[in-house]
Amino acid sequence: MTVLLVSELVTNSLRHATGPIGVRMYPRAGHVLQVEVSDPLPDPPRERTAASDDEGGRGLQLVALASRRWGTLHGDNGKTVWFELSLPTR
């Protein structure tokens, strides 16, 4: 699931932004994996409703449905889209 969600966000960055794209993943307390995808585009992504015959437009819906939570952060060098996934407990 992690690879699919990262792929969706990286694809959005490649499609809409120019310049460097960053991916960062790290564990957080409470068995949570934090994933961040950054690009220099300042505009936040928009969740949209895709028609049944649209080839795209479902990436952020997938991220929203499959993650614990997600959001965007704005900085001096663009934006970061992040999401959290629950890690399995031992």
PDB file of N, CA and C in Angstrom:
ATOM      1  N   MET A   1       0.826  -1.194   0.000  1.00  0.00           N
ATOM      2  CA  MET A   1       0.000   0.000   0.000  1.00  0.00           C
ATOM      3  C   MET A   1       0.869   1.256   0.000  1.00  0.00           C
ATOM      4  N   THR A   2       1.961   1.241   0.744  1.00  0.00           N
ATOM      5  CA  THR A   2       2.832   2.411   0.825  1.00  0.00           C
ATOM      6  C   THR A   2       3.356   2.800  -0.552  1.00  0.00           C
ATOM      7  N   VAL A   3       3.818   1.812  -1.307  1.00  0.00           N
ATOM      8  CA  VAL A   3       4.379   2.085  -2.634  1.00  0.00           C
ATOM      9  C   VAL A   3       3.325   2.698  -3.557  1.00  0.00           C
ATOM     10  N   LEU A   4       2.123   2.194  -3.515  1.00  0.00           N
ATOM     11  CA  LEU A   4       1.045   2.720  -4.354  1.00  0.00           C
ATOM     12  C   LEU A   4       0.751   4.177  -4.021  1.00  0.00           C
ATOM     13  N   LEU A   5       0.639   4.505  -2.740  1.00  0.00           N
ATOM     14  CA  LEU A   5       0.310   5.867  -2.341  1.00  0.00           C
ATOM     15  C   LEU A   5       1.448   6.833  -2.663  1.00  0.00           C
ATOM     16  N   VAL A   6       2.696   6.410  -2.428  1.00  0.00           N
ATOM     17  CA  VAL A   6       3.838   7.248  -2.789  1.00  0.00           C
ATOM     18  C   VAL A   6       3.848   7.470  -4.301  1.00  0.00           C
ATOM     19  N   SER A   7       3.586   6.422  -5.055  1.00  0.00           N
ATOM     20  CA  SER A   7       3.548   6.529  -6.509  1.00  0.00           C
ATOM     21  C   SER A   7       2.507   7.544  -6.969  1.00  0.00           C
ATOM     22  N   GLU A   8       1.356   7.555  -6.345  1.00  0.00           N
ATOM     23  CA  GLU A   8       0.304   8.512  -6.709  1.00  0.00           C
ATOM     24  C   GLU A   8       0.772   9.949  -6.476  1.00  0.00           C
ATOM     25  N   LEU A   9       1.391  10.211  -5.325  1.00  0.00           N
ATOM     26  CA  LEU A   9       1.824  11.576  -5.018  1.00  0.00           C
ATOM     27  C   LEU A   9       3.006  12.004  -5.875  1.00  0.00           C
ATOM     28  N   VAL A  10       3.944  11.098  -6.121  1.00  0.00           N
ATOM     29  CA  VAL A  10       5.085  11.427  -6.975  1.00  0.00           C
ATOM     30  C   VAL A  10       4.609  11.679  -8.404  1.00  0.00           C
ATOM     31  N   THR A  11       3.681  10.879  -8.879  1.00  0.00           N
ATOM     32  CA  THR A  11       3.130  11.094 -10.223  1.00  0.00           C
ATOM     33  C   THR A  11       2.476  12.463 -10.325  1.00  0.00           C
ATOM     34  N   ASN A  12       1.730  12.868  -9.311  1.00  0.00           N
ATOM     35  CA  ASN A  12       1.126  14.212  -9.306  1.00  0.00           C
ATOM     36  C   ASN A  12       2.207  15.287  -9.400  1.00  0.00           C
ATOM     37  N   SER A  13       3.287  15.128  -8.632  1.00  0.00           N
ATOM     38  CA  SER A  13       4.371  16.112  -8.670  1.00  0.00           C
ATOM     39  C   SER A  13       5.035  16.147 -10.037  1.00  0.00           C
ATOM     40  N   LEU A  14       5.304  14.981 -10.599  1.00  0.00           N
ATOM     41  CA  LEU A  14       5.935  14.932 -11.924  1.00  0.00           C
ATOM     42  C   LEU A  14       5.048  15.551 -12.992  1.00  0.00           C
ATOM     43  N   ARG A  15       3.766  15.367 -12.864  1.00  0.00           N
ATOM     44  CA  ARG A  15       2.823  15.869 -13.860  1.00  0.00           C
ATOM     45  C   ARG A  15       2.624  17.384 -13.774  1.00  0.00           C
ATOM     46  N   HIS A  16       2.653  17.937 -12.567  1.00  0.00           N
ATOM     47  CA  HIS A  16       2.261  19.333 -12.391  1.00  0.00           C
ATOM     48  C   HIS A  16       3.387  20.281 -11.997  1.00  0.00           C
ATOM     49  N   ALA A  17       4.491  19.790 -11.476  1.00  0.00           N
ATOM     50  CA  ALA A  17       5.564  20.659 -10.984  1.00  0.00           C
ATOM     51  C   ALA A  17       6.817  20.486 -11.840  1.00  0.00           C
ATOM     52  N   THR A  18       7.693  21.463 -11.758  1.00  0.00           N
ATOM     53  CA  THR A  18       9.018  21.341 -12.346  1.00  0.00           C
ATOM     54  C   THR A  18      10.021  21.514 -11.220  1.00  0.00           C
ATOM     55  N   GLY A  19      11.157  20.893 -11.366  1.00  0.00           N
ATOM     56  CA  GLY A  19      12.175  21.019 -10.335  1.00  0.00           C
ATOM     57  C   GLY A  19      12.261  19.764  -9.496  1.00  0.00           C
ATOM     58  N   PRO A  20      13.035  19.842  -8.438  1.00  0.00           N
ATOM     59  CA  PRO A  20      13.282  18.644  -7.626  1.00  0.00           C
ATOM     60  C   PRO A  20      12.044  18.182  -6.859  1.00  0.00           C
ATOM     61  N   ILE A  21      11.924  16.874  -6.763  1.00  0.00           N
ATOM     62  CA  ILE A  21      10.860  16.240  -5.983  1.00  0.00           C
ATOM     63  C   ILE A  21      11.537  15.430  -4.888  1.00  0.00           C
ATOM     64  N   GLY A  22      11.049  15.564  -3.672  1.00  0.00           N
ATOM     65  CA  GLY A  22      11.629  14.838  -2.550  1.00  0.00           C
ATOM     66  C   GLY A  22      10.634  13.867  -1.948  1.00  0.00           C
ATOM     67  N   VAL A  23      11.140  12.730  -1.494  1.00  0.00           N
ATOM     68  CA  VAL A  23      10.315  11.747  -0.790  1.00  0.00           C
ATOM     69  C   VAL A  23      11.016  11.436   0.515  1.00  0.00           C
ATOM     70  N   ARG A  24      10.265  11.470   1.594  1.00  0.00           N
ATOM     71  CA  ARG A  24      10.810  11.183   2.915  1.00  0.00           C
ATOM     72  C   ARG A  24       9.831  10.284   3.648  1.00  0.00           C
ATOM     73  N   MET A  25      10.362   9.235   4.284  1.00  0.00           N
ATOM     74  CA  MET A  25       9.541   8.325   5.086  1.00  0.00           C
ATOM     75  C   MET A  25      10.242   8.103   6.422  1.00  0.00           C
ATOM     76  N   TYR A  26       9.472   8.124   7.480  1.00  0.00           N
ATOM     77  CA  TYR A  26      10.073   7.871   8.789  1.00  0.00           C
ATOM     78  C   TYR A  26       9.002   7.379   9.765  1.00  0.00           C
ATOM     79  N   PRO A  27       9.410   6.497  10.680  1.00  0.00           N
ATOM     80  CA  PRO A  27       8.457   6.012  11.683  1.00  0.00           C
ATOM     81  C   PRO A  27       8.238   7.073  12.755  1.00  0.00           C
ATOM     82  N   ARG A  28       7.026   7.096  13.278  1.00  0.00           N
ATOM     83  CA  ARG A  28       6.693   7.974  14.385  1.00  0.00           C
ATOM     84  C   ARG A  28       6.209   7.131  15.544  1.00  0.00           C
ATOM     85  N   ALA A  29       6.148   7.730  16.689  1.00  0.00           N
ATOM     86  CA  ALA A  29       5.676   7.023  17.877  1.00  0.00           C
ATOM     87  C   ALA A  29       4.259   6.512  17.652  1.00  0.00           C
ATOM     88  N   GLY A  30       3.940   5.393  18.237  1.00  0.00           N
ATOM     89  CA  GLY A  30       2.594   4.859  18.129  1.00  0.00           C
ATOM     90  C   GLY A  30       2.381   4.021  16.894  1.00  0.00           C
ATOM     91  N   HIS A  31       3.462   3.458  16.329  1.00  0.00           N
ATOM     92  CA  HIS A  31       3.358   2.559  15.173  1.00  0.00           C
ATOM     93  C   HIS A  31       2.747   3.249  13.962  1.00  0.00           C
ATOM     94  N   VAL A  32       3.285   4.421  13.622  1.00  0.00           N
ATOM     95  CA  VAL A  32       2.811   5.196  12.479  1.00  0.00           C
ATOM     96  C   VAL A  32       3.983   5.459  11.538  1.00  0.00           C
ATOM     97  N   LEU A  33       3.754   5.285  10.242  1.00  0.00           N
ATOM     98  CA  LEU A  33       4.724   5.657   9.225  1.00  0.00           C
ATOM     99  C   LEU A  33       4.283   6.981   8.612  1.00  0.00           C
ATOM    100  N   GLN A  34       5.138   7.989   8.684  1.00  0.00           N
ATOM    101  CA  GLN A  34       4.880   9.294   8.078  1.00  0.00           C
ATOM    102  C   GLN A  34       5.578   9.315   6.718  1.00  0.00           C
ATOM    103  N   VAL A  35       4.855   9.677   5.671  1.00  0.00           N
ATOM    104  CA  VAL A  35       5.394   9.761   4.313  1.00  0.00           C
ATOM    105  C   VAL A  35       5.144  11.168   3.802  1.00  0.00           C
ATOM    106  N   GLU A  36       6.196  11.777   3.219  1.00  0.00           N
ATOM    107  CA  GLU A  36       6.088  13.140   2.707  1.00  0.00           C
ATOM    108  C   GLU A  36       6.641  13.192   1.287  1.00  0.00           C
ATOM    109  N   VAL A  37       5.928  13.857   0.396  1.00  0.00           N
ATOM    110  CA  VAL A  37       6.390  14.097  -0.969  1.00  0.00           C
ATOM    111  C   VAL A  37       6.372  15.606  -1.174  1.00  0.00           C
ATOM    112  N   SER A  38       7.539  16.164  -1.514  1.00  0.00           N
ATOM    113  CA  SER A  38       7.685  17.614  -1.665  1.00  0.00           C
ATOM    114  C   SER A  38       8.013  17.974  -3.102  1.00  0.00           C
ATOM    115  N   ASP A  39       7.533  19.155  -3.515  1.00  0.00           N
ATOM    116  CA  ASP A  39       7.901  19.697  -4.820  1.00  0.00           C
ATOM    117  C   ASP A  39       7.856  21.223  -4.725  1.00  0.00           C
ATOM    118  N   PRO A  40       8.424  21.919  -5.720  1.00  0.00           N
ATOM    119  CA  PRO A  40       8.499  23.379  -5.643  1.00  0.00           C
ATOM    120  C   PRO A  40       7.214  24.116  -5.997  1.00  0.00           C
ATOM    121  N   LEU A  41       6.184  23.423  -6.425  1.00  0.00           N
ATOM    122  CA  LEU A  41       4.928  24.081  -6.789  1.00  0.00           C
ATOM    123  C   LEU A  41       4.207  24.543  -5.516  1.00  0.00           C
ATOM    124  N   PRO A  42       3.831  25.810  -5.426  1.00  0.00           N
ATOM    125  CA  PRO A  42       3.195  26.282  -4.196  1.00  0.00           C
ATOM    126  C   PRO A  42       1.727  25.890  -4.056  1.00  0.00           C
ATOM    127  N   ASP A  43       1.074  25.570  -5.163  1.00  0.00           N
ATOM    128  CA  ASP A  43      -0.361  25.286  -5.117  1.00  0.00           C
ATOM    129  C   ASP A  43      -0.636  23.933  -4.465  1.00  0.00           C
ATOM    130  N   PRO A  44      -1.595  23.885  -3.539  1.00  0.00           N
ATOM    131  CA  PRO A  44      -1.940  22.602  -2.923  1.00  0.00           C
ATOM    132  C   PRO A  44      -2.672  21.710  -3.918  1.00  0.00           C
ATOM    133  N   PRO A  45      -2.564  20.408  -3.750  1.00  0.00           N
ATOM    134  CA  PRO A  45      -3.312  19.511  -4.635  1.00  0.00           C
ATOM    135  C   PRO A  45      -4.804  19.631  -4.339  1.00  0.00           C
ATOM    136  N   ARG A  46      -5.604  19.326  -5.332  1.00  0.00           N
ATOM    137  CA  ARG A  46      -7.054  19.378  -5.164  1.00  0.00           C
ATOM    138  C   ARG A  46      -7.621  17.991  -5.362  1.00  0.00           C
ATOM    139  N   GLU A  47      -8.418  17.590  -4.415  1.00  0.00           N
ATOM    140  CA  GLU A  47      -9.150  16.336  -4.569  1.00  0.00           C
ATOM    141  C   GLU A  47     -10.299  16.612  -5.520  1.00  0.00           C
ATOM    142  N   ARG A  48     -10.476  15.771  -6.520  1.00  0.00           N
ATOM    143  CA  ARG A  48     -11.563  15.986  -7.454  1.00  0.00           C
ATOM    144  C   ARG A  48     -12.343  14.694  -7.643  1.00  0.00           C
ATOM    145  N   THR A  49     -13.516  14.830  -8.156  1.00  0.00           N
ATOM    146  CA  THR A  49     -14.347  13.668  -8.429  1.00  0.00           C
ATOM    147  C   THR A  49     -14.197  13.318  -9.898  1.00  0.00           C
ATOM    148  N   ALA A  50     -13.645  12.153 -10.170  1.00  0.00           N
ATOM    149  CA  ALA A  50     -13.421  11.721 -11.543  1.00  0.00           C
ATOM    150  C   ALA A  50     -14.668  11.020 -12.076  1.00  0.00           C
ATOM    151  N   ALA A  51     -14.943  11.259 -13.344  1.00  0.00           N
ATOM    152  CA  ALA A  51     -16.025  10.542 -14.012  1.00  0.00           C
ATOM    153  C   ALA A  51     -15.575   9.110 -14.256  1.00  0.00           C
ATOM    154  N   SER A  52     -16.525   8.230 -14.483  1.00  0.00           N
ATOM    155  CA  SER A  52     -16.194   6.810 -14.647  1.00  0.00           C
ATOM    156  C   SER A  52     -15.275   6.553 -15.828  1.00  0.00           C
ATOM    157  N   ASP A  53     -15.283   7.429 -16.836  1.00  0.00           N
ATOM    158  CA  ASP A  53     -14.409   7.219 -17.997  1.00  0.00           C
ATOM    159  C   ASP A  53     -13.135   8.073 -17.961  1.00  0.00           C
ATOM    160  N   ASP A  54     -12.888   8.820 -16.874  1.00  0.00           N
ATOM    161  CA  ASP A  54     -11.654   9.588 -16.733  1.00  0.00           C
ATOM    162  C   ASP A  54     -10.488   8.645 -16.450  1.00  0.00           C
ATOM    163  N   GLU A  55      -9.341   8.935 -17.068  1.00  0.00           N
ATOM    164  CA  GLU A  55      -8.156   8.114 -16.826  1.00  0.00           C
ATOM    165  C   GLU A  55      -7.444   8.515 -15.554  1.00  0.00           C
ATOM    166  N   GLY A  56      -7.650   9.703 -15.065  1.00  0.00           N
ATOM    167  CA  GLY A  56      -6.965  10.176 -13.864  1.00  0.00           C
ATOM    168  C   GLY A  56      -7.951  10.803 -12.905  1.00  0.00           C
ATOM    169  N   GLY A  57      -7.388  11.417 -11.859  1.00  0.00           N
ATOM    170  CA  GLY A  57      -8.218  12.158 -10.924  1.00  0.00           C
ATOM    171  C   GLY A  57      -8.630  11.408  -9.678  1.00  0.00           C
ATOM    172  N   ARG A  58      -8.048  10.227  -9.464  1.00  0.00           N
ATOM    173  CA  ARG A  58      -8.434   9.446  -8.286  1.00  0.00           C
ATOM    174  C   ARG A  58      -7.313   9.286  -7.269  1.00  0.00           C
ATOM    175  N   GLY A  59      -6.142   9.826  -7.565  1.00  0.00           N
ATOM    176  CA  GLY A  59      -4.975   9.629  -6.708  1.00  0.00           C
ATOM    177  C   GLY A  59      -5.165  10.131  -5.295  1.00  0.00           C
ATOM    178  N   LEU A  60      -5.620  11.370  -5.144  1.00  0.00           N
ATOM    179  CA  LEU A  60      -5.811  11.912  -3.800  1.00  0.00           C
ATOM    180  C   LEU A  60      -6.969  11.235  -3.081  1.00  0.00           C
ATOM    181  N   GLN A  61      -7.976  10.806  -3.824  1.00  0.00           N
ATOM    182  CA  GLN A  61      -9.059  10.040  -3.191  1.00  0.00           C
ATOM    183  C   GLN A  61      -8.508   8.743  -2.622  1.00  0.00           C
ATOM    184  N   LEU A  62      -7.634   8.099  -3.363  1.00  0.00           N
ATOM    185  CA  LEU A  62      -7.015   6.859  -2.895  1.00  0.00           C
ATOM    186  C   LEU A  62      -6.180   7.115  -1.647  1.00  0.00           C
ATOM    187  N   VAL A  63      -5.390   8.183  -1.661  1.00  0.00           N
ATOM    188  CA  VAL A  63      -4.578   8.535  -0.489  1.00  0.00           C
ATOM    189  C   VAL A  63      -5.488   8.791   0.710  1.00  0.00           C
ATOM    190  N   ALA A  64      -6.554   9.535   0.510  1.00  0.00           N
ATOM    191  CA  ALA A  64      -7.479   9.851   1.607  1.00  0.00           C
ATOM    192  C   ALA A  64      -8.155   8.600   2.165  1.00  0.00           C
ATOM    193  N   LEU A  65      -8.521   7.673   1.298  1.00  0.00           N
ATOM    194  CA  LEU A  65      -9.206   6.457   1.748  1.00  0.00           C
ATOM    195  C   LEU A  65      -8.271   5.452   2.421  1.00  0.00           C
ATOM    196  N   ALA A  66      -7.044   5.354   1.931  1.00  0.00           N
ATOM    197  CA  ALA A  66      -6.148   4.299   2.403  1.00  0.00           C
ATOM    198  C   ALA A  66      -5.258   4.721   3.570  1.00  0.00           C
ATOM    199  N   SER A  67      -5.138   6.013   3.828  1.00  0.00           N
ATOM    200  CA  SER A  67      -4.260   6.468   4.906  1.00  0.00           C
ATOM    201  C   SER A  67      -5.057   6.794   6.166  1.00  0.00           C
ATOM    202  N   ARG A  68      -4.327   6.863   7.284  1.00  0.00           N
ATOM    203  CA  ARG A  68      -4.962   7.278   8.542  1.00  0.00           C
ATOM    204  C   ARG A  68      -5.439   8.719   8.435  1.00  0.00           C
ATOM    205  N   ARG A  69      -4.569   9.559   7.876  1.00  0.00           N
ATOM    206  CA  ARG A  69      -4.879  10.958   7.622  1.00  0.00           C
ATOM    207  C   ARG A  69      -3.844  11.498   6.644  1.00  0.00           C
ATOM    208  N   TRP A  70      -4.144  12.632   6.037  1.00  0.00           N
ATOM    209  CA  TRP A  70      -3.225  13.244   5.087  1.00  0.00           C
ATOM    210  C   TRP A  70      -3.428  14.744   5.073  1.00  0.00           C
ATOM    211  N   GLY A  71      -2.499  15.455   4.466  1.00  0.00           N
ATOM    212  CA  GLY A  71      -2.626  16.901   4.386  1.00  0.00           C
ATOM    213  C   GLY A  71      -1.491  17.508   3.590  1.00  0.00           C
ATOM    214  N   THR A  72      -1.427  18.832   3.609  1.00  0.00           N
ATOM    215  CA  THR A  72      -0.361  19.554   2.913  1.00  0.00           C
ATOM    216  C   THR A  72       0.261  20.571   3.854  1.00  0.00           C
ATOM    217  N   LEU A  73       1.531  20.834   3.623  1.00  0.00           N
ATOM    218  CA  LEU A  73       2.276  21.869   4.336  1.00  0.00           C
ATOM    219  C   LEU A  73       2.865  22.798   3.292  1.00  0.00           C
ATOM    220  N   HIS A  74       2.855  24.088   3.565  1.00  0.00           N
ATOM    221  CA  HIS A  74       3.407  25.066   2.633  1.00  0.00           C
ATOM    222  C   HIS A  74       4.669  25.644   3.235  1.00  0.00           C
ATOM    223  N   GLY A  75       5.703  25.747   2.423  1.00  0.00           N
ATOM    224  CA  GLY A  75       6.971  26.302   2.879  1.00  0.00           C
ATOM    225  C   GLY A  75       7.523  27.301   1.879  1.00  0.00           C
ATOM    226  N   ASP A  76       8.702  27.810   2.180  1.00  0.00           N
ATOM    227  CA  ASP A  76       9.341  28.795   1.308  1.00  0.00           C
ATOM    228  C   ASP A  76       9.709  28.211  -0.051  1.00  0.00           C
ATOM    229  N   ASN A  77       9.936  26.896  -0.106  1.00  0.00           N
ATOM    230  CA  ASN A  77      10.394  26.260  -1.339  1.00  0.00           C
ATOM    231  C   ASN A  77       9.329  25.393  -1.996  1.00  0.00           C
ATOM    232  N   GLY A  78       8.074  25.646  -1.711  1.00  0.00           N
ATOM    233  CA  GLY A  78       7.013  24.854  -2.324  1.00  0.00           C
ATOM    234  C   GLY A  78       6.090  24.228  -1.296  1.00  0.00           C
ATOM    235  N   LYS A  79       5.658  23.007  -1.583  1.00  0.00           N
ATOM    236  CA  LYS A  79       4.705  22.343  -0.693  1.00  0.00           C
ATOM    237  C   LYS A  79       5.148  20.913  -0.421  1.00  0.00           C
ATOM    238  N   THR A  80       4.582  20.365   0.635  1.00  0.00           N
ATOM    239  CA  THR A  80       4.765  18.964   0.979  1.00  0.00           C
ATOM    240  C   THR A  80       3.386  18.354   1.182  1.00  0.00           C
ATOM    241  N   VAL A  81       3.132  17.258   0.515  1.00  0.00           N
ATOM    242  CA  VAL A  81       1.915  16.484   0.738  1.00  0.00           C
ATOM    243  C   VAL A  81       2.332  15.289   1.584  1.00  0.00           C
ATOM    244  N   TRP A  82       1.616  15.047   2.664  1.00  0.00           N
ATOM    245  CA  TRP A  82       1.997  13.978   3.590  1.00  0.00           C
ATOM    246  C   TRP A  82       0.801  13.072   3.861  1.00  0.00           C
ATOM    247  N   PHE A  83       1.125  11.862   4.289  1.00  0.00           N
ATOM    248  CA  PHE A  83       0.091  10.952   4.785  1.00  0.00           C
ATOM    249  C   PHE A  83       0.694  10.038   5.831  1.00  0.00           C
ATOM    250  N   GLU A  84      -0.167   9.445   6.628  1.00  0.00           N
ATOM    251  CA  GLU A  84       0.239   8.510   7.675  1.00  0.00           C
ATOM    252  C   GLU A  84      -0.403   7.150   7.425  1.00  0.00           C
ATOM    253  N   LEU A  85       0.389   6.121   7.671  1.00  0.00           N
ATOM    254  CA  LEU A  85      -0.105   4.748   7.617  1.00  0.00           C
ATOM    255  C   LEU A  85       0.177   4.067   8.950  1.00  0.00           C
ATOM    256  N   SER A  86      -0.680   3.203   9.367  1.00  0.00           N
ATOM    257  CA  SER A  86      -0.437   2.420  10.577  1.00  0.00           C
ATOM    258  C   SER A  86       0.571   1.326  10.270  1.00  0.00           C
ATOM    259  N   LEU A  87       1.561   1.180  11.149  1.00  0.00           N
ATOM    260  CA  LEU A  87       2.514   0.099  11.023  1.00  0.00           C
ATOM    261  C   LEU A  87       2.015  -1.091  11.819  1.00  0.00           C
ATOM    262  N   PRO A  88       2.296  -2.293  11.353  1.00  0.00           N
ATOM    263  CA  PRO A  88       1.862  -3.468  12.126  1.00  0.00           C
ATOM    264  C   PRO A  88       2.574  -3.521  13.480  1.00  0.00           C
ATOM    265  N   THR A  89       1.878  -3.977  14.473  1.00  0.00           N
ATOM    266  CA  THR A  89       2.486  -4.152  15.791  1.00  0.00           C
ATOM    267  C   THR A  89       3.038  -5.577  15.893  1.00  0.00           C
ATOM    268  N   ARG A  90       4.012  -5.738  16.740  1.00  0.00           N
ATOM    269  CA  ARG A  90       4.633  -7.069  16.883  1.00  0.00           C
ATOM    270  C   ARG A  90       3.950  -7.867  17.955  1.00  0.00           C
TER     271      ARG A  90
END
